Amino acid sequence: MRLGLALGYWGRGPDAGHVPPAREAERLGYDSGRTAESWSSDAFTPLTWIAAHTSRIRLGTAVAQMAARSPAATAMHALTLDHLSGGRLLLGLGLSGPQVVEGWYGRPFPKSPLTATREYVDVVRQVLRREAPVELDGRFHALPYRCPDATGLGGPLKSVTHPLRPRLPVLLGAEGPRNVAQTARIAGRLPLHWAPSRPEVYGDVVRELPEGFLVAAMARVKVCDDVAEGLLPVKAMLGFYIGGMGHAARNFHAGLMARMGYAAEARRIQELFLAGRRKEAVPAVPDAFADEISLVGPRERIAERLRSWRAGPVTDLLALSPDPRTLRVLAELNG
């Protein structure tokens, strides 16, 4: 199991702390560093900055939101950064939810998310292969554009720039069983909340993944004596994702929590968060749930729990931890 560093996205302002931990992770032998985006900083620009200050560590988006860019624009970002970094890019994509797609990007959330995702990946892969001009008679992504308001002047195009790696790795943020099943056919996978003891919540396909299938799972990692205190950032993250990252009627993170056996707790977190009682929503996150998707506690406890991560389908553990000591201990334990 390879190790990666999850750097996330910016808060109120630029995060000057991205480069030092990325360089330290590279020194410790970590395989990748990953950036993200929500309605904040974009994923590609900070990754380019990190690329300029490192030489070996691979560079991943986890995730770049599909609604933010057309698939051709995303492929342009990918081939450009792959060239600039010497072939180090890992392209992670995510559909996001209706609240972000419609509220932030001003686009309709697709009525068939699986079809929209499949078409998006198809276009990206066509651009990167550069075997022929890109064409797709898609329901959500049609190239050339042929809708009633089209001029009719558009023709299929092929990238002027030759991609460095036609088979650049593509991974998808997928949580629901049907989405996971499709992902197993078309890309690698970036699960946000992974519990090694509960692979069944993602469907039977998790037990029958093809050879070489990438599963890059994110987890908060913290070496500390007090487990409860170490779990507080995990609970804060979960409170936001389950309570505020999506609508009460359609929240993929709350749905996953429910499938993992915490349906009542997920509803309560949503109720508190949406009522403006955010300080109460975080304590409402069960310690048990936060703990099973994290690696928190003394070195010996993390070492024991790490074995279950290594025994499953996860190929890359993306550590959400800017703490140099934790990064070093994790590297030693993963040996």
C-alpha atoms as a PDB file:
ATOM      1  CA  MET A   1       0.000   0.000   0.000  1.00  0.00           C
ATOM      2  CA  ARG A   2       1.451   3.328  -1.087  1.00  0.00           C
ATOM      3  CA  LEU A   3       1.186   6.477   1.015  1.00  0.00           C
ATOM      4  CA  GLY A   4      -0.098   9.817  -0.171  1.00  0.00           C
ATOM      5  CA  LEU A   5      -0.527  13.227   1.434  1.00  0.00           C
ATOM      6  CA  ALA A   6      -3.988  14.809   1.248  1.00  0.00           C
ATOM      7  CA  LEU A   7      -3.683  18.598   1.317  1.00  0.00           C
ATOM      8  CA  GLY A   8      -7.311  19.550   0.686  1.00  0.00           C
ATOM      9  CA  TYR A   9      -8.348  23.039  -0.397  1.00  0.00           C
ATOM     10  CA  TRP A  10      -7.824  26.543   0.977  1.00  0.00           C
ATOM     11  CA  GLY A  11      -9.875  28.083   3.736  1.00  0.00           C
ATOM     12  CA  ARG A  12     -10.232  31.844   4.068  1.00  0.00           C
ATOM     13  CA  GLY A  13      -7.022  32.570   2.230  1.00  0.00           C
ATOM     14  CA  PRO A  14      -4.011  31.002   0.522  1.00  0.00           C
ATOM     15  CA  ASP A  15      -2.579  28.036   2.384  1.00  0.00           C
ATOM     16  CA  ALA A  16       1.131  28.705   2.648  1.00  0.00           C
ATOM     17  CA  GLY A  17       1.533  25.345   4.360  1.00  0.00           C
ATOM     18  CA  HIS A  18       1.065  23.162   1.290  1.00  0.00           C
ATOM     19  CA  VAL A  19       4.633  23.088  -0.007  1.00  0.00           C
ATOM     20  CA  PRO A  20       6.581  22.191   3.187  1.00  0.00           C
ATOM     21  CA  PRO A  21       4.547  19.051   3.990  1.00  0.00           C
ATOM     22  CA  ALA A  22       4.625  18.015   0.320  1.00  0.00           C
ATOM     23  CA  ARG A  23       8.413  18.288   0.310  1.00  0.00           C
ATOM     24  CA  GLU A  24       8.639  16.415   3.608  1.00  0.00           C
ATOM     25  CA  ALA A  25       6.335  13.695   2.285  1.00  0.00           C
ATOM     26  CA  GLU A  26       8.546  13.368  -0.785  1.00  0.00           C
ATOM     27  CA  ARG A  27      11.629  13.066   1.432  1.00  0.00           C
ATOM     28  CA  LEU A  28       9.913  10.336   3.474  1.00  0.00           C
ATOM     29  CA  GLY A  29       9.101   8.327   0.352  1.00  0.00           C
ATOM     30  CA  TYR A  30       5.405   9.137   0.001  1.00  0.00           C
ATOM     31  CA  ASP A  31       4.124   8.331  -3.467  1.00  0.00           C
ATOM     32  CA  SER A  32       1.728  11.245  -4.007  1.00  0.00           C
ATOM     33  CA  GLY A  33       0.406  14.585  -2.819  1.00  0.00           C
ATOM     34  CA  ARG A  34      -3.211  15.515  -3.541  1.00  0.00           C
ATOM     35  CA  THR A  35      -5.113  18.798  -3.641  1.00  0.00           C
ATOM     36  CA  ALA A  36      -8.868  19.369  -3.756  1.00  0.00           C
ATOM     37  CA  GLU A  37     -11.518  21.985  -4.485  1.00  0.00           C
ATOM     38  CA  SER A  38     -15.025  22.829  -3.278  1.00  0.00           C
ATOM     39  CA  TRP A  39     -16.230  26.408  -3.667  1.00  0.00           C
ATOM     40  CA  SER A  40     -12.844  27.779  -2.717  1.00  0.00           C
ATOM     41  CA  SER A  41      -9.396  27.425  -4.301  1.00  0.00           C
ATOM     42  CA  ASP A  42      -9.116  25.340  -7.455  1.00  0.00           C
ATOM     43  CA  ALA A  43      -7.283  22.012  -7.445  1.00  0.00           C
ATOM     44  CA  PHE A  44      -4.856  22.502 -10.332  1.00  0.00           C
ATOM     45  CA  THR A  45      -3.092  25.789  -9.515  1.00  0.00           C
ATOM     46  CA  PRO A  46      -1.766  24.793  -6.056  1.00  0.00           C
ATOM     47  CA  LEU A  47      -0.737  21.449  -7.534  1.00  0.00           C
ATOM     48  CA  THR A  48       1.322  23.271 -10.157  1.00  0.00           C
ATOM     49  CA  TRP A  49       3.031  25.278  -7.402  1.00  0.00           C
ATOM     50  CA  ILE A  50       3.836  22.055  -5.540  1.00  0.00           C
ATOM     51  CA  ALA A  51       5.168  20.511  -8.754  1.00  0.00           C
ATOM     52  CA  ALA A  52       7.628  23.388  -9.084  1.00  0.00           C
ATOM     53  CA  HIS A  53       8.991  22.726  -5.585  1.00  0.00           C
ATOM     54  CA  THR A  54       9.286  18.928  -5.780  1.00  0.00           C
ATOM     55  CA  SER A  55      10.872  16.458  -8.168  1.00  0.00           C
ATOM     56  CA  ARG A  56       9.532  12.940  -7.607  1.00  0.00           C
ATOM     57  CA  ILE A  57       6.259  12.836  -5.696  1.00  0.00           C
ATOM     58  CA  ARG A  58       3.218  12.269  -7.899  1.00  0.00           C
ATOM     59  CA  LEU A  59       0.579  15.002  -8.037  1.00  0.00           C
ATOM     60  CA  GLY A  60      -3.122  14.245  -7.773  1.00  0.00           C
ATOM     61  CA  THR A  61      -6.425  16.078  -7.776  1.00  0.00           C
ATOM     62  CA  ALA A  62      -8.706  14.605  -5.145  1.00  0.00           C
ATOM     63  CA  VAL A  63     -10.976  15.769  -6.499  1.00  0.00           C
ATOM     64  CA  ALA A  64     -11.374  18.214  -9.381  1.00  0.00           C
ATOM     65  CA  GLN A  65     -15.077  18.917  -9.798  1.00  0.00           C
ATOM     66  CA  MET A  66     -16.563  17.970 -13.142  1.00  0.00           C
ATOM     67  CA  ALA A  67     -19.121  20.779 -13.108  1.00  0.00           C
ATOM     68  CA  ALA A  68     -16.305  23.338 -12.910  1.00  0.00           C
ATOM     69  CA  ARG A  69     -14.964  22.588 -16.381  1.00  0.00           C
ATOM     70  CA  SER A  70     -15.957  20.950 -19.600  1.00  0.00           C
ATOM     71  CA  PRO A  71     -14.279  17.558 -20.041  1.00  0.00           C
ATOM     72  CA  ALA A  72     -12.078  18.980 -22.798  1.00  0.00           C
ATOM     73  CA  ALA A  73     -10.931  21.809 -20.500  1.00  0.00           C
ATOM     74  CA  THR A  74     -10.121  19.304 -17.765  1.00  0.00           C
ATOM     75  CA  ALA A  75      -8.116  17.224 -20.229  1.00  0.00           C
ATOM     76  CA  MET A  76      -6.204  20.388 -21.226  1.00  0.00           C
ATOM     77  CA  HIS A  77      -5.363  21.057 -17.572  1.00  0.00           C
ATOM     78  CA  ALA A  78      -4.257  17.450 -17.161  1.00  0.00           C
ATOM     79  CA  LEU A  79      -2.014  17.189 -20.217  1.00  0.00           C
ATOM     80  CA  THR A  80      -0.442  20.586 -19.468  1.00  0.00           C
ATOM     81  CA  LEU A  81       0.411  19.807 -15.847  1.00  0.00           C
ATOM     82  CA  ASP A  82       1.538  16.297 -16.749  1.00  0.00           C
ATOM     83  CA  HIS A  83       4.082  17.793 -19.170  1.00  0.00           C
ATOM     84  CA  LEU A  84       5.238  20.479 -16.723  1.00  0.00           C
ATOM     85  CA  SER A  85       5.715  17.945 -13.924  1.00  0.00           C
ATOM     86  CA  GLY A  86       7.474  15.328 -16.019  1.00  0.00           C
ATOM     87  CA  GLY A  87       4.608  12.818 -16.029  1.00  0.00           C
ATOM     88  CA  ARG A  88       3.547  12.982 -12.382  1.00  0.00           C
ATOM     89  CA  LEU A  89      -0.170  13.831 -12.605  1.00  0.00           C
ATOM     90  CA  LEU A  90      -2.996  11.650 -11.267  1.00  0.00           C
ATOM     91  CA  LEU A  91      -6.372  12.990 -12.397  1.00  0.00           C
ATOM     92  CA  GLY A  92      -9.054  12.591  -9.737  1.00  0.00           C
ATOM     93  CA  LEU A  93     -12.566  13.707 -10.671  1.00  0.00           C
ATOM     94  CA  GLY A  94     -15.819  14.076  -8.762  1.00  0.00           C
ATOM     95  CA  LEU A  95     -19.367  14.997  -9.733  1.00  0.00           C
ATOM     96  CA  SER A  96     -20.187  16.748  -6.416  1.00  0.00           C
ATOM     97  CA  GLY A  97     -23.851  17.210  -5.437  1.00  0.00           C
ATOM     98  CA  PRO A  98     -26.817  19.318  -6.561  1.00  0.00           C
ATOM     99  CA  GLN A  99     -26.178  22.078  -4.024  1.00  0.00           C
ATOM    100  CA  VAL A 100     -22.694  22.771  -5.399  1.00  0.00           C
ATOM    101  CA  VAL A 101     -23.379  22.028  -9.068  1.00  0.00           C
ATOM    102  CA  GLU A 102     -26.449  24.265  -9.243  1.00  0.00           C
ATOM    103  CA  GLY A 103     -25.697  26.724  -6.428  1.00  0.00           C
ATOM    104  CA  TRP A 104     -22.052  27.437  -7.255  1.00  0.00           C
ATOM    105  CA  TYR A 105     -21.464  26.480 -10.872  1.00  0.00           C
ATOM    106  CA  GLY A 106     -24.921  27.451 -12.101  1.00  0.00           C
ATOM    107  CA  ARG A 107     -25.429  24.236 -14.025  1.00  0.00           C
ATOM    108  CA  PRO A 108     -28.188  21.637 -13.798  1.00  0.00           C
ATOM    109  CA  PHE A 109     -27.346  18.563 -11.778  1.00  0.00           C
ATOM    110  CA  PRO A 110     -27.593  15.678 -14.260  1.00  0.00           C
ATOM    111  CA  LYS A 111     -30.708  13.544 -13.995  1.00  0.00           C
ATOM    112  CA  SER A 112     -28.530  10.549 -14.795  1.00  0.00           C
ATOM    113  CA  PRO A 113     -25.263  11.108 -12.870  1.00  0.00           C
ATOM    114  CA  LEU A 114     -23.779   7.795 -14.003  1.00  0.00           C
ATOM    115  CA  THR A 115     -24.265   8.646 -17.679  1.00  0.00           C
ATOM    116  CA  ALA A 116     -22.862  12.159 -17.209  1.00  0.00           C
ATOM    117  CA  THR A 117     -19.790  10.775 -15.451  1.00  0.00           C
ATOM    118  CA  ARG A 118     -19.223   8.081 -18.066  1.00  0.00           C
ATOM    119  CA  GLU A 119     -19.435  10.617 -20.916  1.00  0.00           C
ATOM    120  CA  TYR A 120     -17.089  13.016 -19.127  1.00  0.00           C
ATOM    121  CA  VAL A 121     -14.428  10.346 -18.662  1.00  0.00           C
ATOM    122  CA  ASP A 122     -14.876   9.246 -22.275  1.00  0.00           C
ATOM    123  CA  VAL A 123     -14.097  12.742 -23.588  1.00  0.00           C
ATOM    124  CA  VAL A 124     -11.103  13.168 -21.265  1.00  0.00           C
ATOM    125  CA  ARG A 125      -9.663   9.843 -22.385  1.00  0.00           C
ATOM    126  CA  GLN A 126     -10.228  10.656 -26.072  1.00  0.00           C
ATOM    127  CA  VAL A 127      -8.324  13.925 -25.685  1.00  0.00           C
ATOM    128  CA  LEU A 128      -5.446  12.221 -23.894  1.00  0.00           C
ATOM    129  CA  ARG A 129      -5.205   9.330 -26.356  1.00  0.00           C
ATOM    130  CA  ARG A 130      -5.153  11.757 -29.288  1.00  0.00           C
ATOM    131  CA  GLU A 131      -5.916   8.979 -31.750  1.00  0.00           C
ATOM    132  CA  ALA A 132      -8.546  10.966 -33.652  1.00  0.00           C
ATOM    133  CA  PRO A 133     -10.609  14.152 -33.404  1.00  0.00           C
ATOM    134  CA  VAL A 134     -12.848  14.005 -30.333  1.00  0.00           C
ATOM    135  CA  GLU A 135     -16.430  13.013 -31.060  1.00  0.00           C
ATOM    136  CA  LEU A 136     -19.215  11.961 -28.724  1.00  0.00           C
ATOM    137  CA  ASP A 137     -22.930  11.922 -29.330  1.00  0.00           C
ATOM    138  CA  GLY A 138     -23.567  12.245 -25.619  1.00  0.00           C
ATOM    139  CA  ARG A 139     -26.640  13.112 -23.633  1.00  0.00           C
ATOM    140  CA  PHE A 140     -24.721  15.548 -21.406  1.00  0.00           C
ATOM    141  CA  HIS A 141     -21.448  16.050 -23.271  1.00  0.00           C
ATOM    142  CA  ALA A 142     -21.797  16.261 -27.038  1.00  0.00           C
ATOM    143  CA  LEU A 143     -18.778  17.037 -29.188  1.00  0.00           C
ATOM    144  CA  PRO A 144     -19.199  18.789 -31.545  1.00  0.00           C
ATOM    145  CA  TYR A 145     -22.079  20.730 -29.981  1.00  0.00           C
ATOM    146  CA  ARG A 146     -25.276  19.957 -31.905  1.00  0.00           C
ATOM    147  CA  CYS A 147     -28.097  21.430 -29.806  1.00  0.00           C
ATOM    148  CA  PRO A 148     -30.804  23.607 -31.456  1.00  0.00           C
ATOM    149  CA  ASP A 149     -28.921  26.833 -30.665  1.00  0.00           C
ATOM    150  CA  ALA A 150     -25.695  25.624 -32.333  1.00  0.00           C
ATOM    151  CA  THR A 151     -24.328  27.486 -35.351  1.00  0.00           C
ATOM    152  CA  GLY A 152     -23.547  24.204 -37.083  1.00  0.00           C
ATOM    153  CA  LEU A 153     -20.008  25.396 -37.738  1.00  0.00           C
ATOM    154  CA  GLY A 154     -18.282  23.299 -35.098  1.00  0.00           C
ATOM    155  CA  GLY A 155     -16.227  20.348 -36.223  1.00  0.00           C
ATOM    156  CA  PRO A 156     -14.366  17.591 -34.359  1.00  0.00           C
ATOM    157  CA  LEU A 157     -10.939  18.656 -33.151  1.00  0.00           C
ATOM    158  CA  LYS A 158      -7.805  16.901 -31.950  1.00  0.00           C
ATOM    159  CA  SER A 159      -5.475  18.391 -29.339  1.00  0.00           C
ATOM    160  CA  VAL A 160      -2.675  20.439 -30.867  1.00  0.00           C
ATOM    161  CA  THR A 161      -0.431  19.441 -27.964  1.00  0.00           C
ATOM    162  CA  HIS A 162       0.613  15.801 -27.855  1.00  0.00           C
ATOM    163  CA  PRO A 163      -0.085  14.438 -24.361  1.00  0.00           C
ATOM    164  CA  LEU A 164       2.937  13.090 -22.514  1.00  0.00           C
ATOM    165  CA  ARG A 165       1.012  10.019 -21.283  1.00  0.00           C
ATOM    166  CA  PRO A 166      -2.005   8.911 -23.307  1.00  0.00           C
ATOM    167  CA  ARG A 167      -3.025   6.581 -20.453  1.00  0.00           C
ATOM    168  CA  LEU A 168      -2.671   9.067 -17.631  1.00  0.00           C
ATOM    169  CA  PRO A 169      -4.405   7.589 -14.520  1.00  0.00           C
ATOM    170  CA  VAL A 170      -7.981   8.761 -13.952  1.00  0.00           C
ATOM    171  CA  LEU A 171      -9.792   8.164 -10.646  1.00  0.00           C
ATOM    172  CA  LEU A 172     -13.335   8.984  -9.588  1.00  0.00           C
ATOM    173  CA  GLY A 173     -14.848  10.009  -6.276  1.00  0.00           C
ATOM    174  CA  ALA A 174     -17.591   7.386  -5.982  1.00  0.00           C
ATOM    175  CA  GLU A 175     -19.645   6.431  -2.924  1.00  0.00           C
ATOM    176  CA  GLY A 176     -22.927   4.799  -3.943  1.00  0.00           C
ATOM    177  CA  PRO A 177     -22.904   1.091  -4.965  1.00  0.00           C
ATOM    178  CA  ARG A 178     -23.987   1.769  -8.568  1.00  0.00           C
ATOM    179  CA  ASN A 179     -21.424   4.538  -8.955  1.00  0.00           C
ATOM    180  CA  VAL A 180     -18.717   2.292  -7.491  1.00  0.00           C
ATOM    181  CA  ALA A 181     -19.696  -0.511  -9.890  1.00  0.00           C
ATOM    182  CA  GLN A 182     -19.382   1.815 -12.891  1.00  0.00           C
ATOM    183  CA  THR A 183     -16.115   3.238 -11.599  1.00  0.00           C
ATOM    184  CA  ALA A 184     -14.648  -0.276 -11.459  1.00  0.00           C
ATOM    185  CA  ARG A 185     -15.221  -0.452 -15.229  1.00  0.00           C
ATOM    186  CA  ILE A 186     -13.967   2.959 -16.346  1.00  0.00           C
ATOM    187  CA  ALA A 187     -11.448   4.409 -13.838  1.00  0.00           C
ATOM    188  CA  GLY A 188      -9.786   4.101 -10.443  1.00  0.00           C
ATOM    189  CA  ARG A 189     -11.555   5.132  -7.254  1.00  0.00           C
ATOM    190  CA  LEU A 190     -11.205   7.856  -4.612  1.00  0.00           C
ATOM    191  CA  PRO A 191     -13.454   6.951  -1.658  1.00  0.00           C
ATOM    192  CA  LEU A 192     -13.809   9.817   0.811  1.00  0.00           C
ATOM    193  CA  HIS A 193     -14.901   7.858   3.888  1.00  0.00           C
ATOM    194  CA  TRP A 194     -13.347   4.385   3.901  1.00  0.00           C
ATOM    195  CA  ALA A 195     -13.949   1.917   6.717  1.00  0.00           C
ATOM    196  CA  PRO A 196     -11.744  -1.180   6.259  1.00  0.00           C
ATOM    197  CA  SER A 197     -14.204  -3.329   8.221  1.00  0.00           C
ATOM    198  CA  ARG A 198     -17.212  -2.393   6.042  1.00  0.00           C
ATOM    199  CA  PRO A 199     -16.345  -2.849   2.353  1.00  0.00           C
ATOM    200  CA  GLU A 200     -19.834  -4.276   1.769  1.00  0.00           C
ATOM    201  CA  VAL A 201     -21.425  -0.804   1.971  1.00  0.00           C
ATOM    202  CA  TYR A 202     -19.993  -0.098  -1.476  1.00  0.00           C
ATOM    203  CA  GLY A 203     -21.472  -3.231  -3.066  1.00  0.00           C
ATOM    204  CA  ASP A 204     -20.154  -6.641  -4.073  1.00  0.00           C
ATOM    205  CA  VAL A 205     -17.931  -5.184  -6.785  1.00  0.00           C
ATOM    206  CA  VAL A 206     -15.389  -4.213  -4.093  1.00  0.00           C
ATOM    207  CA  ARG A 207     -14.575  -7.910  -3.681  1.00  0.00           C
ATOM    208  CA  GLU A 208     -14.046  -8.459  -7.416  1.00  0.00           C
ATOM    209  CA  LEU A 209     -11.931  -5.506  -8.535  1.00  0.00           C
ATOM    210  CA  PRO A 210      -9.849  -5.958 -11.698  1.00  0.00           C
ATOM    211  CA  GLU A 211      -6.096  -6.453 -11.462  1.00  0.00           C
ATOM    212  CA  GLY A 212      -4.265  -3.178 -10.957  1.00  0.00           C
ATOM    213  CA  PHE A 213      -7.410  -1.251  -9.964  1.00  0.00           C
ATOM    214  CA  LEU A 214      -6.497   1.880  -7.985  1.00  0.00           C
ATOM    215  CA  VAL A 215      -8.276   2.608  -4.706  1.00  0.00           C
ATOM    216  CA  ALA A 216      -6.900   5.786  -3.114  1.00  0.00           C
ATOM    217  CA  ALA A 217      -8.706   6.281   0.201  1.00  0.00           C
ATOM    218  CA  MET A 218      -8.389   9.364   2.365  1.00  0.00           C
ATOM    219  CA  ALA A 219      -8.097   9.226   6.156  1.00  0.00           C
ATOM    220  CA  ARG A 220      -7.232  11.629   8.928  1.00  0.00           C
ATOM    221  CA  VAL A 221      -4.035  10.363  10.539  1.00  0.00           C
ATOM    222  CA  LYS A 222      -2.800  11.693  13.870  1.00  0.00           C
ATOM    223  CA  VAL A 223      -0.269  10.259  16.298  1.00  0.00           C
ATOM    224  CA  CYS A 224      -1.433  11.328  19.764  1.00  0.00           C
ATOM    225  CA  ASP A 225      -2.078   9.974  23.247  1.00  0.00           C
ATOM    226  CA  ASP A 226      -5.691  11.127  23.555  1.00  0.00           C
ATOM    227  CA  VAL A 227      -7.848   9.371  20.936  1.00  0.00           C
ATOM    228  CA  ALA A 228     -10.965  11.423  21.700  1.00  0.00           C
ATOM    229  CA  GLU A 229      -9.071  14.688  21.239  1.00  0.00           C
ATOM    230  CA  GLY A 230      -7.429  13.389  18.085  1.00  0.00           C
ATOM    231  CA  LEU A 231     -10.855  12.605  16.621  1.00  0.00           C
ATOM    232  CA  LEU A 232     -12.179  16.163  17.025  1.00  0.00           C
ATOM    233  CA  PRO A 233     -10.965  17.356  13.563  1.00  0.00           C
ATOM    234  CA  VAL A 234     -12.531  14.223  12.037  1.00  0.00           C
ATOM    235  CA  LYS A 235     -15.851  14.964  13.711  1.00  0.00           C
ATOM    236  CA  ALA A 236     -15.686  18.601  12.594  1.00  0.00           C
ATOM    237  CA  MET A 237     -15.113  17.480   8.990  1.00  0.00           C
ATOM    238  CA  LEU A 238     -17.930  14.937   9.166  1.00  0.00           C
ATOM    239  CA  GLY A 239     -20.305  17.447  10.726  1.00  0.00           C
ATOM    240  CA  PHE A 240     -19.723  19.771   7.779  1.00  0.00           C
ATOM    241  CA  TYR A 241     -19.900  17.118   5.061  1.00  0.00           C
ATOM    242  CA  ILE A 242     -22.958  15.368   6.480  1.00  0.00           C
ATOM    243  CA  GLY A 243     -24.754  18.477   7.675  1.00  0.00           C
ATOM    244  CA  GLY A 244     -23.784  21.092   5.135  1.00  0.00           C
ATOM    245  CA  MET A 245     -22.208  19.509   2.041  1.00  0.00           C
ATOM    246  CA  GLY A 246     -25.456  18.918   0.208  1.00  0.00           C
ATOM    247  CA  HIS A 247     -29.195  19.356   0.603  1.00  0.00           C
ATOM    248  CA  ALA A 248     -31.162  17.640   3.365  1.00  0.00           C
ATOM    249  CA  ALA A 249     -33.054  15.679   0.705  1.00  0.00           C
ATOM    250  CA  ARG A 250     -29.946  14.633  -1.216  1.00  0.00           C
ATOM    251  CA  ASN A 251     -26.627  14.341   0.572  1.00  0.00           C
ATOM    252  CA  PHE A 252     -24.334  11.545  -0.607  1.00  0.00           C
ATOM    253  CA  HIS A 253     -22.200  11.688   2.533  1.00  0.00           C
ATOM    254  CA  ALA A 254     -25.209  11.339   4.817  1.00  0.00           C
ATOM    255  CA  GLY A 255     -26.399   8.443   2.668  1.00  0.00           C
ATOM    256  CA  LEU A 256     -23.088   6.644   3.082  1.00  0.00           C
ATOM    257  CA  MET A 257     -23.153   7.186   6.838  1.00  0.00           C
ATOM    258  CA  ALA A 258     -26.651   5.689   6.934  1.00  0.00           C
ATOM    259  CA  ARG A 259     -25.516   2.617   4.977  1.00  0.00           C
ATOM    260  CA  MET A 260     -22.743   2.174   7.514  1.00  0.00           C
ATOM    261  CA  GLY A 261     -25.301   1.836  10.288  1.00  0.00           C
ATOM    262  CA  TYR A 262     -25.639   5.420  11.506  1.00  0.00           C
ATOM    263  CA  ALA A 263     -28.869   6.550   9.831  1.00  0.00           C
ATOM    264  CA  ALA A 264     -30.424   8.163  12.913  1.00  0.00           C
ATOM    265  CA  GLU A 265     -27.208   9.948  13.772  1.00  0.00           C
ATOM    266  CA  ALA A 266     -26.851  11.261  10.213  1.00  0.00           C
ATOM    267  CA  ARG A 267     -30.387  12.705  10.331  1.00  0.00           C
ATOM    268  CA  ARG A 268     -29.677  14.365  13.669  1.00  0.00           C
ATOM    269  CA  ILE A 269     -26.450  15.941  12.397  1.00  0.00           C
ATOM    270  CA  GLN A 270     -28.308  17.323   9.380  1.00  0.00           C
ATOM    271  CA  GLU A 271     -31.118  18.708  11.534  1.00  0.00           C
ATOM    272  CA  LEU A 272     -28.697  20.512  13.828  1.00  0.00           C
ATOM    273  CA  PHE A 273     -26.499  21.859  11.045  1.00  0.00           C
ATOM    274  CA  LEU A 274     -29.376  23.100   8.905  1.00  0.00           C
ATOM    275  CA  ALA A 275     -30.985  24.731  11.946  1.00  0.00           C
ATOM    276  CA  GLY A 276     -27.840  26.804  12.387  1.00  0.00           C
ATOM    277  CA  ARG A 277     -26.731  24.824  15.464  1.00  0.00           C
ATOM    278  CA  ARG A 278     -23.366  23.869  14.046  1.00  0.00           C
ATOM    279  CA  LYS A 279     -21.599  23.743  17.409  1.00  0.00           C
ATOM    280  CA  GLU A 280     -24.018  21.000  18.422  1.00  0.00           C
ATOM    281  CA  ALA A 281     -23.731  19.121  15.127  1.00  0.00           C
ATOM    282  CA  VAL A 282     -20.066  18.232  15.617  1.00  0.00           C
ATOM    283  CA  PRO A 283     -20.468  16.505  19.023  1.00  0.00           C
ATOM    284  CA  ALA A 284     -23.424  14.609  17.520  1.00  0.00           C
ATOM    285  CA  VAL A 285     -21.014  12.744  15.221  1.00  0.00           C
ATOM    286  CA  PRO A 286     -20.426   9.371  16.904  1.00  0.00           C
ATOM    287  CA  ASP A 287     -16.848   8.765  18.005  1.00  0.00           C
ATOM    288  CA  ALA A 288     -17.153   5.201  16.702  1.00  0.00           C
ATOM    289  CA  PHE A 289     -17.925   6.372  13.166  1.00  0.00           C
ATOM    290  CA  ALA A 290     -15.140   8.966  13.158  1.00  0.00           C
ATOM    291  CA  ASP A 291     -12.726   6.381  14.522  1.00  0.00           C
ATOM    292  CA  GLU A 292     -13.368   3.644  11.971  1.00  0.00           C
ATOM    293  CA  ILE A 293     -12.598   5.922   9.021  1.00  0.00           C
ATOM    294  CA  SER A 294      -9.425   7.341  10.656  1.00  0.00           C
ATOM    295  CA  LEU A 295      -6.049   6.350  12.028  1.00  0.00           C
ATOM    296  CA  VAL A 296      -5.810   8.198  15.327  1.00  0.00           C
ATOM    297  CA  GLY A 297      -4.045   7.460  18.608  1.00  0.00           C
ATOM    298  CA  PRO A 298      -0.705   6.227  19.928  1.00  0.00           C
ATOM    299  CA  ARG A 299       1.802   4.695  17.544  1.00  0.00           C
ATOM    300  CA  GLU A 300       0.952   1.132  18.619  1.00  0.00           C
ATOM    301  CA  ARG A 301      -2.780   1.651  18.023  1.00  0.00           C
ATOM    302  CA  ILE A 302      -2.182   3.074  14.550  1.00  0.00           C
ATOM    303  CA  ALA A 303       0.163   0.189  13.715  1.00  0.00           C
ATOM    304  CA  GLU A 304      -2.506  -2.345  14.674  1.00  0.00           C
ATOM    305  CA  ARG A 305      -5.282  -0.606  12.726  1.00  0.00           C
ATOM    306  CA  LEU A 306      -3.040  -0.054   9.714  1.00  0.00           C
ATOM    307  CA  ARG A 307      -2.963  -3.811   9.153  1.00  0.00           C
ATOM    308  CA  SER A 308      -6.651  -3.834   8.204  1.00  0.00           C
ATOM    309  CA  TRP A 309      -6.030  -1.089   5.649  1.00  0.00           C
ATOM    310  CA  ARG A 310      -3.187  -3.048   4.106  1.00  0.00           C
ATOM    311  CA  ALA A 311      -5.231  -6.272   4.001  1.00  0.00           C
ATOM    312  CA  GLY A 312      -8.055  -4.779   1.898  1.00  0.00           C
ATOM    313  CA  PRO A 313      -8.321  -3.348  -1.638  1.00  0.00           C
ATOM    314  CA  VAL A 314      -6.806   0.059  -0.803  1.00  0.00           C
ATOM    315  CA  THR A 315      -3.727   0.673  -2.950  1.00  0.00           C
ATOM    316  CA  ASP A 316      -3.041   4.207  -1.709  1.00  0.00           C
ATOM    317  CA  LEU A 317      -3.689   5.623   1.764  1.00  0.00           C
ATOM    318  CA  LEU A 318      -4.024   9.403   1.474  1.00  0.00           C
ATOM    319  CA  ALA A 319      -3.118  10.822   4.867  1.00  0.00           C
ATOM    320  CA  LEU A 320      -4.900  14.014   5.796  1.00  0.00           C
ATOM    321  CA  SER A 321      -2.188  15.211   8.153  1.00  0.00           C
ATOM    322  CA  PRO A 322       0.118  18.233   7.986  1.00  0.00           C
ATOM    323  CA  ASP A 323       1.932  17.070  11.137  1.00  0.00           C
ATOM    324  CA  PRO A 324       5.588  16.136  10.339  1.00  0.00           C
ATOM    325  CA  ARG A 325       5.784  13.661  13.222  1.00  0.00           C
ATOM    326  CA  THR A 326       2.663  11.830  12.064  1.00  0.00           C
ATOM    327  CA  LEU A 327       3.914  11.698   8.483  1.00  0.00           C
ATOM    328  CA  ARG A 328       7.199  10.210   9.667  1.00  0.00           C
ATOM    329  CA  VAL A 329       5.599   7.625  11.943  1.00  0.00           C
ATOM    330  CA  LEU A 330       3.167   6.549   9.221  1.00  0.00           C
ATOM    331  CA  ALA A 331       6.039   6.114   6.770  1.00  0.00           C
ATOM    332  CA  GLU A 332       7.924   3.995   9.310  1.00  0.00           C
ATOM    333  CA  LEU A 333       4.892   1.813  10.054  1.00  0.00           C
ATOM    334  CA  ASN A 334       4.059   1.291   6.395  1.00  0.00           C
ATOM    335  CA  GLY A 335       7.722   0.433   5.797  1.00  0.00           C
END
